[in-house]
Amino acid sequence: MEFKSKKCRCCHLFSEFNQIKKKHPAFRMSTAKEVQQNLEFLKVENGFISYQLKNNATNDSWKTIVILYNAKNKPMECALQKSWNIAILGNHFYFDAKNSISKKISIPAILMAILFEE
């Protein structure tokens, strides 16, 4: 029964990720040139990767998108230079509500965050 519950949660997460991918062309860059012009790694260290998709990548409505991956077994805090809107934080997707964060963000263990500015 526990496996079925985890499988359902996983399917739900993939469905939510697909919604973001469909709505935002920045996640669908199709050429090496687009990637070179718009992707910039911010921080890469043991168990943590962050990068940004910038320049309204492929005419996206979000000006800049920051993706933060925490592969560690414990939450990780990351300092922010400015205020950002939250699209995803851990298992929570914020499609309708405008949730913003500034100064720092805590990313749950083995999860991610997607932040954006319009």
PDB file of N, CA and C in Angstrom:
ATOM      1  N   MET A   1       0.813  -1.190   0.000  1.00  0.00           N
ATOM      2  CA  MET A   1       0.000   0.000   0.000  1.00  0.00           C
ATOM      3  C   MET A   1       0.864   1.265   0.000  1.00  0.00           C
ATOM      4  N   GLU A   2       1.976   1.219   0.746  1.00  0.00           N
ATOM      5  CA  GLU A   2       2.864   2.381   0.814  1.00  0.00           C
ATOM      6  C   GLU A   2       3.470   2.668  -0.562  1.00  0.00           C
ATOM      7  N   PHE A   3       3.817   1.613  -1.299  1.00  0.00           N
ATOM      8  CA  PHE A   3       4.384   1.787  -2.633  1.00  0.00           C
ATOM      9  C   PHE A   3       3.392   2.511  -3.538  1.00  0.00           C
ATOM     10  N   LYS A   4       2.122   2.126  -3.471  1.00  0.00           N
ATOM     11  CA  LYS A   4       1.099   2.744  -4.309  1.00  0.00           C
ATOM     12  C   LYS A   4       0.964   4.227  -3.983  1.00  0.00           C
ATOM     13  N   SER A   5       1.024   4.568  -2.712  1.00  0.00           N
ATOM     14  CA  SER A   5       0.933   5.964  -2.289  1.00  0.00           C
ATOM     15  C   SER A   5       2.108   6.775  -2.828  1.00  0.00           C
ATOM     16  N   LYS A   6       3.314   6.218  -2.733  1.00  0.00           N
ATOM     17  CA  LYS A   6       4.499   6.909  -3.249  1.00  0.00           C
ATOM     18  C   LYS A   6       4.419   7.052  -4.762  1.00  0.00           C
ATOM     19  N   LYS A   7       3.903   6.010  -5.435  1.00  0.00           N
ATOM     20  CA  LYS A   7       3.765   6.049  -6.885  1.00  0.00           C
ATOM     21  C   LYS A   7       2.783   7.143  -7.293  1.00  0.00           C
ATOM     22  N   CYS A   8       1.671   7.281  -6.578  1.00  0.00           N
ATOM     23  CA  CYS A   8       0.685   8.321  -6.881  1.00  0.00           C
ATOM     24  C   CYS A   8       1.287   9.713  -6.700  1.00  0.00           C
ATOM     25  N   ARG A   9       2.050   9.910  -5.606  1.00  0.00           N
ATOM     26  CA  ARG A   9       2.700  11.208  -5.368  1.00  0.00           C
ATOM     27  C   ARG A   9       3.686  11.519  -6.479  1.00  0.00           C
ATOM     28  N   CYS A  10       4.426  10.514  -6.897  1.00  0.00           N
ATOM     29  CA  CYS A  10       5.417  10.695  -7.959  1.00  0.00           C
ATOM     30  C   CYS A  10       4.722  11.081  -9.271  1.00  0.00           C
ATOM     31  N   CYS A  11       3.642  10.402  -9.604  1.00  0.00           N
ATOM     32  CA  CYS A  11       2.891  10.723 -10.824  1.00  0.00           C
ATOM     33  C   CYS A  11       2.350  12.144 -10.767  1.00  0.00           C
ATOM     34  N   HIS A  12       1.862  12.549  -9.595  1.00  0.00           N
ATOM     35  CA  HIS A  12       1.352  13.912  -9.413  1.00  0.00           C
ATOM     36  C   HIS A  12       2.467  14.937  -9.633  1.00  0.00           C
ATOM     37  N   LEU A  13       3.648  14.674  -9.084  1.00  0.00           N
ATOM     38  CA  LEU A  13       4.774  15.598  -9.251  1.00  0.00           C
ATOM     39  C   LEU A  13       5.154  15.735 -10.723  1.00  0.00           C
ATOM     40  N   PHE A  14       5.220  14.623 -11.447  1.00  0.00           N
ATOM     41  CA  PHE A  14       5.550  14.686 -12.871  1.00  0.00           C
ATOM     42  C   PHE A  14       4.492  15.473 -13.641  1.00  0.00           C
ATOM     43  N   SER A  15       3.236  15.299 -13.276  1.00  0.00           N
ATOM     44  CA  SER A  15       2.160  16.047 -13.915  1.00  0.00           C
ATOM     45  C   SER A  15       2.331  17.548 -13.693  1.00  0.00           C
ATOM     46  N   GLU A  16       2.671  17.937 -12.470  1.00  0.00           N
ATOM     47  CA  GLU A  16       2.888  19.352 -12.149  1.00  0.00           C
ATOM     48  C   GLU A  16       4.098  19.901 -12.910  1.00  0.00           C
ATOM     49  N   PHE A  17       5.182  19.137 -12.963  1.00  0.00           N
ATOM     50  CA  PHE A  17       6.365  19.571 -13.714  1.00  0.00           C
ATOM     51  C   PHE A  17       6.026  19.760 -15.195  1.00  0.00           C
ATOM     52  N   ASN A  18       5.224  18.866 -15.747  1.00  0.00           N
ATOM     53  CA  ASN A  18       4.834  18.990 -17.149  1.00  0.00           C
ATOM     54  C   ASN A  18       4.021  20.248 -17.399  1.00  0.00           C
ATOM     55  N   GLN A  19       3.189  20.650 -16.431  1.00  0.00           N
ATOM     56  CA  GLN A  19       2.425  21.890 -16.574  1.00  0.00           C
ATOM     57  C   GLN A  19       3.360  23.082 -16.709  1.00  0.00           C
ATOM     58  N   ILE A  20       4.375  23.130 -15.861  1.00  0.00           N
ATOM     59  CA  ILE A  20       5.334  24.236 -15.933  1.00  0.00           C
ATOM     60  C   ILE A  20       6.072  24.196 -17.267  1.00  0.00           C
ATOM     61  N   LYS A  21       6.486  23.015 -17.686  1.00  0.00           N
ATOM     62  CA  LYS A  21       7.211  22.883 -18.953  1.00  0.00           C
ATOM     63  C   LYS A  21       6.348  23.355 -20.128  1.00  0.00           C
ATOM     64  N   LYS A  22       5.064  23.032 -20.115  1.00  0.00           N
ATOM     65  CA  LYS A  22       4.162  23.453 -21.191  1.00  0.00           C
ATOM     66  C   LYS A  22       3.948  24.964 -21.193  1.00  0.00           C
ATOM     67  N   LYS A  23       3.836  25.561 -20.017  1.00  0.00           N
ATOM     68  CA  LYS A  23       3.549  26.996 -19.908  1.00  0.00           C
ATOM     69  C   LYS A  23       4.773  27.874 -20.141  1.00  0.00           C
ATOM     70  N   HIS A  24       5.964  27.328 -19.959  1.00  0.00           N
ATOM     71  CA  HIS A  24       7.170  28.151 -19.994  1.00  0.00           C
ATOM     72  C   HIS A  24       8.198  27.605 -20.980  1.00  0.00           C
ATOM     73  N   PRO A  25       8.318  28.283 -22.130  1.00  0.00           N
ATOM     74  CA  PRO A  25       9.244  27.814 -23.163  1.00  0.00           C
ATOM     75  C   PRO A  25      10.713  27.825 -22.746  1.00  0.00           C
ATOM     76  N   ALA A  26      11.048  28.524 -21.672  1.00  0.00           N
ATOM     77  CA  ALA A  26      12.444  28.510 -21.204  1.00  0.00           C
ATOM     78  C   ALA A  26      12.894  27.093 -20.868  1.00  0.00           C
ATOM     79  N   PHE A  27      11.945  26.221 -20.500  1.00  0.00           N
ATOM     80  CA  PHE A  27      12.271  24.832 -20.169  1.00  0.00           C
ATOM     81  C   PHE A  27      12.278  23.935 -21.410  1.00  0.00           C
ATOM     82  N   ARG A  28      12.095  24.545 -22.585  1.00  0.00           N
ATOM     83  CA  ARG A  28      12.065  23.769 -23.824  1.00  0.00           C
ATOM     84  C   ARG A  28      13.051  24.315 -24.859  1.00  0.00           C
ATOM     85  N   MET A  29      14.174  24.819 -24.432  1.00  0.00           N
ATOM     86  CA  MET A  29      15.173  25.311 -25.388  1.00  0.00           C
ATOM     87  C   MET A  29      15.598  24.152 -26.290  1.00  0.00           C
ATOM     88  N   SER A  30      15.696  24.428 -27.580  1.00  0.00           N
ATOM     89  CA  SER A  30      15.936  23.323 -28.514  1.00  0.00           C
ATOM     90  C   SER A  30      17.279  23.378 -29.233  1.00  0.00           C
ATOM     91  N   THR A  31      18.041  24.443 -29.045  1.00  0.00           N
ATOM     92  CA  THR A  31      19.336  24.514 -29.722  1.00  0.00           C
ATOM     93  C   THR A  31      20.449  24.788 -28.711  1.00  0.00           C
ATOM     94  N   ALA A  32      21.645  24.400 -29.091  1.00  0.00           N
ATOM     95  CA  ALA A  32      22.807  24.663 -28.233  1.00  0.00           C
ATOM     96  C   ALA A  32      23.013  26.163 -28.058  1.00  0.00           C
ATOM     97  N   LYS A  33      22.744  26.928 -29.094  1.00  0.00           N
ATOM     98  CA  LYS A  33      22.908  28.384 -29.021  1.00  0.00           C
ATOM     99  C   LYS A  33      21.971  28.981 -27.970  1.00  0.00           C
ATOM    100  N   GLU A  34      20.713  28.538 -27.929  1.00  0.00           N
ATOM    101  CA  GLU A  34      19.766  29.030 -26.917  1.00  0.00           C
ATOM    102  C   GLU A  34      20.273  28.719 -25.514  1.00  0.00           C
ATOM    103  N   VAL A  35      20.764  27.516 -25.323  1.00  0.00           N
ATOM    104  CA  VAL A  35      21.279  27.119 -24.010  1.00  0.00           C
ATOM    105  C   VAL A  35      22.489  27.975 -23.646  1.00  0.00           C
ATOM    106  N   GLN A  36      23.412  28.163 -24.571  1.00  0.00           N
ATOM    107  CA  GLN A  36      24.613  28.966 -24.301  1.00  0.00           C
ATOM    108  C   GLN A  36      24.265  30.411 -23.957  1.00  0.00           C
ATOM    109  N   GLN A  37      23.256  30.968 -24.610  1.00  0.00           N
ATOM    110  CA  GLN A  37      22.880  32.362 -24.381  1.00  0.00           C
ATOM    111  C   GLN A  37      22.078  32.561 -23.097  1.00  0.00           C
ATOM    112  N   ASN A  38      21.355  31.549 -22.654  1.00  0.00           N
ATOM    113  CA  ASN A  38      20.375  31.749 -21.591  1.00  0.00           C
ATOM    114  C   ASN A  38      20.629  30.998 -20.293  1.00  0.00           C
ATOM    115  N   LEU A  39      21.469  29.987 -20.291  1.00  0.00           N
ATOM    116  CA  LEU A  39      21.715  29.208 -19.078  1.00  0.00           C
ATOM    117  C   LEU A  39      23.018  29.649 -18.426  1.00  0.00           C
ATOM    118  N   GLU A  40      22.960  29.902 -17.129  1.00  0.00           N
ATOM    119  CA  GLU A  40      24.158  30.291 -16.382  1.00  0.00           C
ATOM    120  C   GLU A  40      24.169  29.559 -15.044  1.00  0.00           C
ATOM    121  N   PHE A  41      25.229  28.796 -14.790  1.00  0.00           N
ATOM    122  CA  PHE A  41      25.364  28.132 -13.498  1.00  0.00           C
ATOM    123  C   PHE A  41      25.755  29.161 -12.450  1.00  0.00           C
ATOM    124  N   LEU A  42      25.086  29.106 -11.305  1.00  0.00           N
ATOM    125  CA  LEU A  42      25.340  30.053 -10.229  1.00  0.00           C
ATOM    126  C   LEU A  42      26.236  29.462  -9.154  1.00  0.00           C
ATOM    127  N   LYS A  43      25.892  28.263  -8.718  1.00  0.00           N
ATOM    128  CA  LYS A  43      26.641  27.640  -7.631  1.00  0.00           C
ATOM    129  C   LYS A  43      26.571  26.127  -7.798  1.00  0.00           C
ATOM    130  N   VAL A  44      27.728  25.507  -7.749  1.00  0.00           N
ATOM    131  CA  VAL A  44      27.803  24.050  -7.804  1.00  0.00           C
ATOM    132  C   VAL A  44      28.755  23.634  -6.701  1.00  0.00           C
ATOM    133  N   GLU A  45      28.238  22.880  -5.758  1.00  0.00           N
ATOM    134  CA  GLU A  45      29.084  22.351  -4.689  1.00  0.00           C
ATOM    135  C   GLU A  45      28.548  20.988  -4.298  1.00  0.00           C
ATOM    136  N   ASN A  46      29.214  20.331  -3.405  1.00  0.00           N
ATOM    137  CA  ASN A  46      28.860  18.982  -2.997  1.00  0.00           C
ATOM    138  C   ASN A  46      27.374  18.871  -2.639  1.00  0.00           C
ATOM    139  N   GLY A  47      26.606  18.245  -3.505  1.00  0.00           N
ATOM    140  CA  GLY A  47      25.194  18.006  -3.229  1.00  0.00           C
ATOM    141  C   GLY A  47      24.269  19.171  -3.509  1.00  0.00           C
ATOM    142  N   PHE A  48      24.753  20.229  -4.131  1.00  0.00           N
ATOM    143  CA  PHE A  48      23.903  21.392  -4.412  1.00  0.00           C
ATOM    144  C   PHE A  48      24.272  21.996  -5.763  1.00  0.00           C
ATOM    145  N   ILE A  49      23.256  22.237  -6.583  1.00  0.00           N
ATOM    146  CA  ILE A  49      23.453  22.871  -7.887  1.00  0.00           C
ATOM    147  C   ILE A  49      22.399  23.955  -8.045  1.00  0.00           C
ATOM    148  N   SER A  50      22.822  25.116  -8.514  1.00  0.00           N
ATOM    149  CA  SER A  50      21.858  26.161  -8.857  1.00  0.00           C
ATOM    150  C   SER A  50      22.262  26.790 -10.185  1.00  0.00           C
ATOM    151  N   TYR A  51      21.253  27.101 -10.965  1.00  0.00           N
ATOM    152  CA  TYR A  51      21.497  27.775 -12.233  1.00  0.00           C
ATOM    153  C   TYR A  51      20.314  28.657 -12.563  1.00  0.00           C
ATOM    154  N   GLN A  52      20.513  29.553 -13.517  1.00  0.00           N
ATOM    155  CA  GLN A  52      19.421  30.423 -13.924  1.00  0.00           C
ATOM    156  C   GLN A  52      19.225  30.371 -15.428  1.00  0.00           C
ATOM    157  N   LEU A  53      17.980  30.557 -15.816  1.00  0.00           N
ATOM    158  CA  LEU A  53      17.601  30.733 -17.208  1.00  0.00           C
ATOM    159  C   LEU A  53      17.243  32.207 -17.323  1.00  0.00           C
ATOM    160  N   LYS A  54      17.994  32.941 -18.128  1.00  0.00           N
ATOM    161  CA  LYS A  54      17.869  34.396 -18.140  1.00  0.00           C
ATOM    162  C   LYS A  54      17.439  34.919 -19.503  1.00  0.00           C
ATOM    163  N   ASN A  55      17.293  36.228 -19.589  1.00  0.00           N
ATOM    164  CA  ASN A  55      16.987  36.919 -20.852  1.00  0.00           C
ATOM    165  C   ASN A  55      15.618  36.566 -21.423  1.00  0.00           C
ATOM    166  N   ASN A  56      14.630  36.303 -20.581  1.00  0.00           N
ATOM    167  CA  ASN A  56      13.324  35.842 -21.078  1.00  0.00           C
ATOM    168  C   ASN A  56      13.539  34.702 -22.073  1.00  0.00           C
ATOM    169  N   ALA A  57      14.316  33.716 -21.657  1.00  0.00           N
ATOM    170  CA  ALA A  57      14.735  32.613 -22.529  1.00  0.00           C
ATOM    171  C   ALA A  57      13.594  32.129 -23.410  1.00  0.00           C
ATOM    172  N   THR A  58      13.855  32.060 -24.691  1.00  0.00           N
ATOM    173  CA  THR A  58      12.892  31.641 -25.721  1.00  0.00           C
ATOM    174  C   THR A  58      11.537  32.330 -25.551  1.00  0.00           C
ATOM    175  N   ASN A  59      11.585  33.628 -25.273  1.00  0.00           N
ATOM    176  CA  ASN A  59      10.381  34.468 -25.135  1.00  0.00           C
ATOM    177  C   ASN A  59       9.457  34.039 -24.004  1.00  0.00           C
ATOM    178  N   ASP A  60      10.014  33.545 -22.943  1.00  0.00           N
ATOM    179  CA  ASP A  60       9.224  33.153 -21.775  1.00  0.00           C
ATOM    180  C   ASP A  60       8.658  34.390 -21.086  1.00  0.00           C
ATOM    181  N   SER A  61       7.512  34.239 -20.428  1.00  0.00           N
ATOM    182  CA  SER A  61       6.913  35.357 -19.685  1.00  0.00           C
ATOM    183  C   SER A  61       7.679  35.647 -18.397  1.00  0.00           C
ATOM    184  N   TRP A  62       8.458  34.678 -17.913  1.00  0.00           N
ATOM    185  CA  TRP A  62       9.302  34.902 -16.746  1.00  0.00           C
ATOM    186  C   TRP A  62      10.645  35.429 -17.239  1.00  0.00           C
ATOM    187  N   LYS A  63      11.048  36.581 -16.730  1.00  0.00           N
ATOM    188  CA  LYS A  63      12.298  37.218 -17.154  1.00  0.00           C
ATOM    189  C   LYS A  63      13.509  36.363 -16.795  1.00  0.00           C
ATOM    190  N   THR A  64      13.563  35.943 -15.537  1.00  0.00           N
ATOM    191  CA  THR A  64      14.663  35.115 -15.049  1.00  0.00           C
ATOM    192  C   THR A  64      14.090  33.996 -14.198  1.00  0.00           C
ATOM    193  N   ILE A  65      14.628  32.794 -14.368  1.00  0.00           N
ATOM    194  CA  ILE A  65      14.197  31.624 -13.601  1.00  0.00           C
ATOM    195  C   ILE A  65      15.429  31.059 -12.909  1.00  0.00           C
ATOM    196  N   VAL A  66      15.322  30.823 -11.610  1.00  0.00           N
ATOM    197  CA  VAL A  66      16.424  30.223 -10.857  1.00  0.00           C
ATOM    198  C   VAL A  66      15.988  28.844 -10.386  1.00  0.00           C
ATOM    199  N   ILE A  67      16.797  27.840 -10.666  1.00  0.00           N
ATOM    200  CA  ILE A  67      16.525  26.462 -10.259  1.00  0.00           C
ATOM    201  C   ILE A  67      17.578  26.069  -9.233  1.00  0.00           C
ATOM    202  N   LEU A  68      17.119  25.579  -8.085  1.00  0.00           N
ATOM    203  CA  LEU A  68      17.993  25.184  -6.982  1.00  0.00           C
ATOM    204  C   LEU A  68      17.730  23.715  -6.668  1.00  0.00           C
ATOM    205  N   TYR A  69      18.735  22.862  -6.795  1.00  0.00           N
ATOM    206  CA  TYR A  69      18.618  21.433  -6.488  1.00  0.00           C
ATOM    207  C   TYR A  69      19.411  21.119  -5.228  1.00  0.00           C
ATOM    208  N   ASN A  70      18.749  20.511  -4.258  1.00  0.00           N
ATOM    209  CA  ASN A  70      19.415  20.065  -3.037  1.00  0.00           C
ATOM    210  C   ASN A  70      19.425  18.542  -3.039  1.00  0.00           C
ATOM    211  N   ALA A  71      20.574  17.933  -3.276  1.00  0.00           N
ATOM    212  CA  ALA A  71      20.700  16.475  -3.285  1.00  0.00           C
ATOM    213  C   ALA A  71      21.175  15.934  -1.944  1.00  0.00           C
ATOM    214  N   LYS A  72      21.283  16.805  -0.965  1.00  0.00           N
ATOM    215  CA  LYS A  72      21.737  16.378   0.362  1.00  0.00           C
ATOM    216  C   LYS A  72      20.590  15.744   1.145  1.00  0.00           C
ATOM    217  N   ASN A  73      20.947  14.999   2.188  1.00  0.00           N
ATOM    218  CA  ASN A  73      19.953  14.342   3.040  1.00  0.00           C
ATOM    219  C   ASN A  73      19.429  15.247   4.142  1.00  0.00           C
ATOM    220  N   LYS A  74      19.701  16.521   4.048  1.00  0.00           N
ATOM    221  CA  LYS A  74      19.207  17.479   5.042  1.00  0.00           C
ATOM    222  C   LYS A  74      18.860  18.778   4.320  1.00  0.00           C
ATOM    223  N   PRO A  75      17.960  19.585   4.892  1.00  0.00           N
ATOM    224  CA  PRO A  75      17.613  20.862   4.263  1.00  0.00           C
ATOM    225  C   PRO A  75      18.847  21.753   4.117  1.00  0.00           C
ATOM    226  N   MET A  76      18.795  22.629   3.136  1.00  0.00           N
ATOM    227  CA  MET A  76      19.913  23.537   2.896  1.00  0.00           C
ATOM    228  C   MET A  76      19.383  24.947   2.700  1.00  0.00           C
ATOM    229  N   GLU A  77      20.044  25.906   3.331  1.00  0.00           N
ATOM    230  CA  GLU A  77      19.657  27.301   3.162  1.00  0.00           C
ATOM    231  C   GLU A  77      20.520  27.944   2.092  1.00  0.00           C
ATOM    232  N   CYS A  78      19.902  28.808   1.327  1.00  0.00           N
ATOM    233  CA  CYS A  78      20.594  29.505   0.253  1.00  0.00           C
ATOM    234  C   CYS A  78      20.242  30.987   0.345  1.00  0.00           C
ATOM    235  N   ALA A  79      21.256  31.838   0.350  1.00  0.00           N
ATOM    236  CA  ALA A  79      21.040  33.287   0.401  1.00  0.00           C
ATOM    237  C   ALA A  79      20.538  33.781  -0.955  1.00  0.00           C
ATOM    238  N   LEU A  80      19.636  34.750  -0.908  1.00  0.00           N
ATOM    239  CA  LEU A  80      19.090  35.348  -2.124  1.00  0.00           C
ATOM    240  C   LEU A  80      19.508  36.811  -2.204  1.00  0.00           C
ATOM    241  N   GLN A  81      19.859  37.264  -3.384  1.00  0.00           N
ATOM    242  CA  GLN A  81      20.297  38.646  -3.583  1.00  0.00           C
ATOM    243  C   GLN A  81      19.130  39.627  -3.647  1.00  0.00           C
ATOM    244  N   LYS A  82      17.945  39.110  -3.988  1.00  0.00           N
ATOM    245  CA  LYS A  82      16.767  39.970  -4.126  1.00  0.00           C
ATOM    246  C   LYS A  82      15.514  39.150  -3.886  1.00  0.00           C
ATOM    247  N   SER A  83      14.372  39.767  -4.042  1.00  0.00           N
ATOM    248  CA  SER A  83      13.093  39.090  -3.849  1.00  0.00           C
ATOM    249  C   SER A  83      12.727  38.298  -5.110  1.00  0.00           C
ATOM    250  N   TRP A  84      12.191  37.093  -4.903  1.00  0.00           N
ATOM    251  CA  TRP A  84      11.793  36.212  -6.000  1.00  0.00           C
ATOM    252  C   TRP A  84      10.383  35.700  -5.763  1.00  0.00           C
ATOM    253  N   ASN A  85       9.681  35.371  -6.849  1.00  0.00           N
ATOM    254  CA  ASN A  85       8.418  34.652  -6.770  1.00  0.00           C
ATOM    255  C   ASN A  85       8.739  33.163  -6.723  1.00  0.00           C
ATOM    256  N   ILE A  86       7.922  32.412  -6.003  1.00  0.00           N
ATOM    257  CA  ILE A  86       8.136  30.970  -5.876  1.00  0.00           C
ATOM    258  C   ILE A  86       7.195  30.232  -6.827  1.00  0.00           C
ATOM    259  N   ALA A  87       7.751  29.376  -7.673  1.00  0.00           N
ATOM    260  CA  ALA A  87       6.951  28.499  -8.529  1.00  0.00           C
ATOM    261  C   ALA A  87       6.854  27.116  -7.894  1.00  0.00           C
ATOM    262  N   ILE A  88       7.991  26.618  -7.390  1.00  0.00           N
ATOM    263  CA  ILE A  88       8.048  25.309  -6.729  1.00  0.00           C
ATOM    264  C   ILE A  88       8.971  25.433  -5.530  1.00  0.00           C
ATOM    265  N   LEU A  89       8.539  24.851  -4.435  1.00  0.00           N
ATOM    266  CA  LEU A  89       9.405  24.724  -3.262  1.00  0.00           C
ATOM    267  C   LEU A  89       9.143  23.354  -2.666  1.00  0.00           C
ATOM    268  N   GLY A  90      10.107  22.449  -2.833  1.00  0.00           N
ATOM    269  CA  GLY A  90       9.924  21.082  -2.352  1.00  0.00           C
ATOM    270  C   GLY A  90       8.821  20.397  -3.138  1.00  0.00           C
ATOM    271  N   ASN A  91       7.806  19.906  -2.433  1.00  0.00           N
ATOM    272  CA  ASN A  91       6.671  19.231  -3.063  1.00  0.00           C
ATOM    273  C   ASN A  91       5.508  20.165  -3.336  1.00  0.00           C
ATOM    274  N   HIS A  92       5.691  21.453  -3.138  1.00  0.00           N
ATOM    275  CA  HIS A  92       4.593  22.412  -3.270  1.00  0.00           C
ATOM    276  C   HIS A  92       4.752  23.241  -4.539  1.00  0.00           C
ATOM    277  N   PHE A  93       3.689  23.272  -5.329  1.00  0.00           N
ATOM    278  CA  PHE A  93       3.658  24.029  -6.571  1.00  0.00           C
ATOM    279  C   PHE A  93       2.739  25.221  -6.374  1.00  0.00           C
ATOM    280  N   TYR A  94       3.184  26.388  -6.788  1.00  0.00           N
ATOM    281  CA  TYR A  94       2.426  27.621  -6.595  1.00  0.00           C
ATOM    282  C   TYR A  94       2.090  28.214  -7.960  1.00  0.00           C
ATOM    283  N   PHE A  95       1.057  27.673  -8.604  1.00  0.00           N
ATOM    284  CA  PHE A  95       0.697  28.127  -9.938  1.00  0.00           C
ATOM    285  C   PHE A  95      -0.137  29.397  -9.909  1.00  0.00           C
ATOM    286  N   ASP A  96      -1.067  29.478  -8.992  1.00  0.00           N
ATOM    287  CA  ASP A  96      -2.010  30.588  -8.984  1.00  0.00           C
ATOM    288  C   ASP A  96      -1.604  31.700  -8.030  1.00  0.00           C
ATOM    289  N   ALA A  97      -1.244  31.329  -6.827  1.00  0.00           N
ATOM    290  CA  ALA A  97      -0.912  32.327  -5.810  1.00  0.00           C
ATOM    291  C   ALA A  97       0.469  32.904  -6.070  1.00  0.00           C
ATOM    292  N   LYS A  98       0.600  34.171  -5.785  1.00  0.00           N
ATOM    293  CA  LYS A  98       1.911  34.825  -5.898  1.00  0.00           C
ATOM    294  C   LYS A  98       2.574  34.762  -4.531  1.00  0.00           C
ATOM    295  N   ASN A  99       3.478  33.832  -4.373  1.00  0.00           N
ATOM    296  CA  ASN A  99       4.254  33.729  -3.140  1.00  0.00           C
ATOM    297  C   ASN A  99       5.653  34.221  -3.441  1.00  0.00           C
ATOM    298  N   SER A 100       6.145  35.107  -2.612  1.00  0.00           N
ATOM    299  CA  SER A 100       7.494  35.612  -2.844  1.00  0.00           C
ATOM    300  C   SER A 100       8.362  35.369  -1.625  1.00  0.00           C
ATOM    301  N   ILE A 101       9.654  35.452  -1.862  1.00  0.00           N
ATOM    302  CA  ILE A 101      10.626  35.204  -0.805  1.00  0.00           C
ATOM    303  C   ILE A 101      11.818  36.119  -1.050  1.00  0.00           C
ATOM    304  N   SER A 102      12.459  36.531   0.031  1.00  0.00           N
ATOM    305  CA  SER A 102      13.667  37.348  -0.098  1.00  0.00           C
ATOM    306  C   SER A 102      14.651  36.949   0.991  1.00  0.00           C
ATOM    307  N   LYS A 103      15.859  37.366   0.855  1.00  0.00           N
ATOM    308  CA  LYS A 103      16.968  37.133   1.782  1.00  0.00           C
ATOM    309  C   LYS A 103      17.489  35.708   1.757  1.00  0.00           C
ATOM    310  N   LYS A 104      16.662  34.700   2.105  1.00  0.00           N
ATOM    311  CA  LYS A 104      17.143  33.318   2.063  1.00  0.00           C
ATOM    312  C   LYS A 104      15.982  32.355   1.871  1.00  0.00           C
ATOM    313  N   ILE A 105      16.332  31.169   1.394  1.00  0.00           N
ATOM    314  CA  ILE A 105      15.340  30.125   1.177  1.00  0.00           C
ATOM    315  C   ILE A 105      15.892  28.823   1.740  1.00  0.00           C
ATOM    316  N   SER A 106      15.029  28.028   2.344  1.00  0.00           N
ATOM    317  CA  SER A 106      15.402  26.712   2.844  1.00  0.00           C
ATOM    318  C   SER A 106      14.833  25.669   1.888  1.00  0.00           C
ATOM    319  N   ILE A 107      15.725  24.906   1.283  1.00  0.00           N
ATOM    320  CA  ILE A 107      15.319  23.886   0.322  1.00  0.00           C
ATOM    321  C   ILE A 107      15.341  22.540   1.026  1.00  0.00           C
ATOM    322  N   PRO A 108      14.201  21.837   1.042  1.00  0.00           N
ATOM    323  CA  PRO A 108      14.145  20.544   1.729  1.00  0.00           C
ATOM    324  C   PRO A 108      15.139  19.537   1.153  1.00  0.00           C
ATOM    325  N   ALA A 109      15.458  18.536   1.951  1.00  0.00           N
ATOM    326  CA  ALA A 109      16.386  17.478   1.539  1.00  0.00           C
ATOM    327  C   ALA A 109      15.875  16.760   0.297  1.00  0.00           C
ATOM    328  N   ILE A 110      16.771  16.475  -0.608  1.00  0.00           N
ATOM    329  CA  ILE A 110      16.509  15.710  -1.833  1.00  0.00           C
ATOM    330  C   ILE A 110      15.366  16.327  -2.651  1.00  0.00           C
ATOM    331  N   LEU A 111      15.259  17.638  -2.637  1.00  0.00           N
ATOM    332  CA  LEU A 111      14.203  18.306  -3.407  1.00  0.00           C
ATOM    333  C   LEU A 111      14.761  19.554  -4.076  1.00  0.00           C
ATOM    334  N   MET A 112      13.872  20.366  -4.615  1.00  0.00           N
ATOM    335  CA  MET A 112      14.302  21.520  -5.385  1.00  0.00           C
ATOM    336  C   MET A 112      13.394  22.712  -5.170  1.00  0.00           C
ATOM    337  N   ALA A 113      13.816  23.835  -5.716  1.00  0.00           N
ATOM    338  CA  ALA A 113      12.998  25.043  -5.750  1.00  0.00           C
ATOM    339  C   ALA A 113      13.170  25.682  -7.122  1.00  0.00           C
ATOM    340  N   ILE A 114      12.088  26.265  -7.611  1.00  0.00           N
ATOM    341  CA  ILE A 114      12.152  27.079  -8.820  1.00  0.00           C
ATOM    342  C   ILE A 114      11.600  28.445  -8.453  1.00  0.00           C
ATOM    343  N   LEU A 115      12.426  29.467  -8.655  1.00  0.00           N
ATOM    344  CA  LEU A 115      12.066  30.847  -8.359  1.00  0.00           C
ATOM    345  C   LEU A 115      12.078  31.629  -9.669  1.00  0.00           C
ATOM    346  N   PHE A 116      11.302  32.719  -9.714  1.00  0.00           N
ATOM    347  CA  PHE A 116      11.277  33.499 -10.954  1.00  0.00           C
ATOM    348  C   PHE A 116      10.985  34.960 -10.687  1.00  0.00           C
ATOM    349  N   GLU A 117      11.355  35.785 -11.667  1.00  0.00           N
ATOM    350  CA  GLU A 117      10.938  37.184 -11.682  1.00  0.00           C
ATOM    351  C   GLU A 117      10.290  37.450 -13.027  1.00  0.00           C
ATOM    352  N   GLU A 118       9.256  38.283 -13.003  1.00  0.00           N
ATOM    353  CA  GLU A 118       8.522  38.569 -14.245  1.00  0.00           C
ATOM    354  C   GLU A 118       9.088  39.778 -14.942  1.00  0.00           C
TER     355      GLU A 118
END
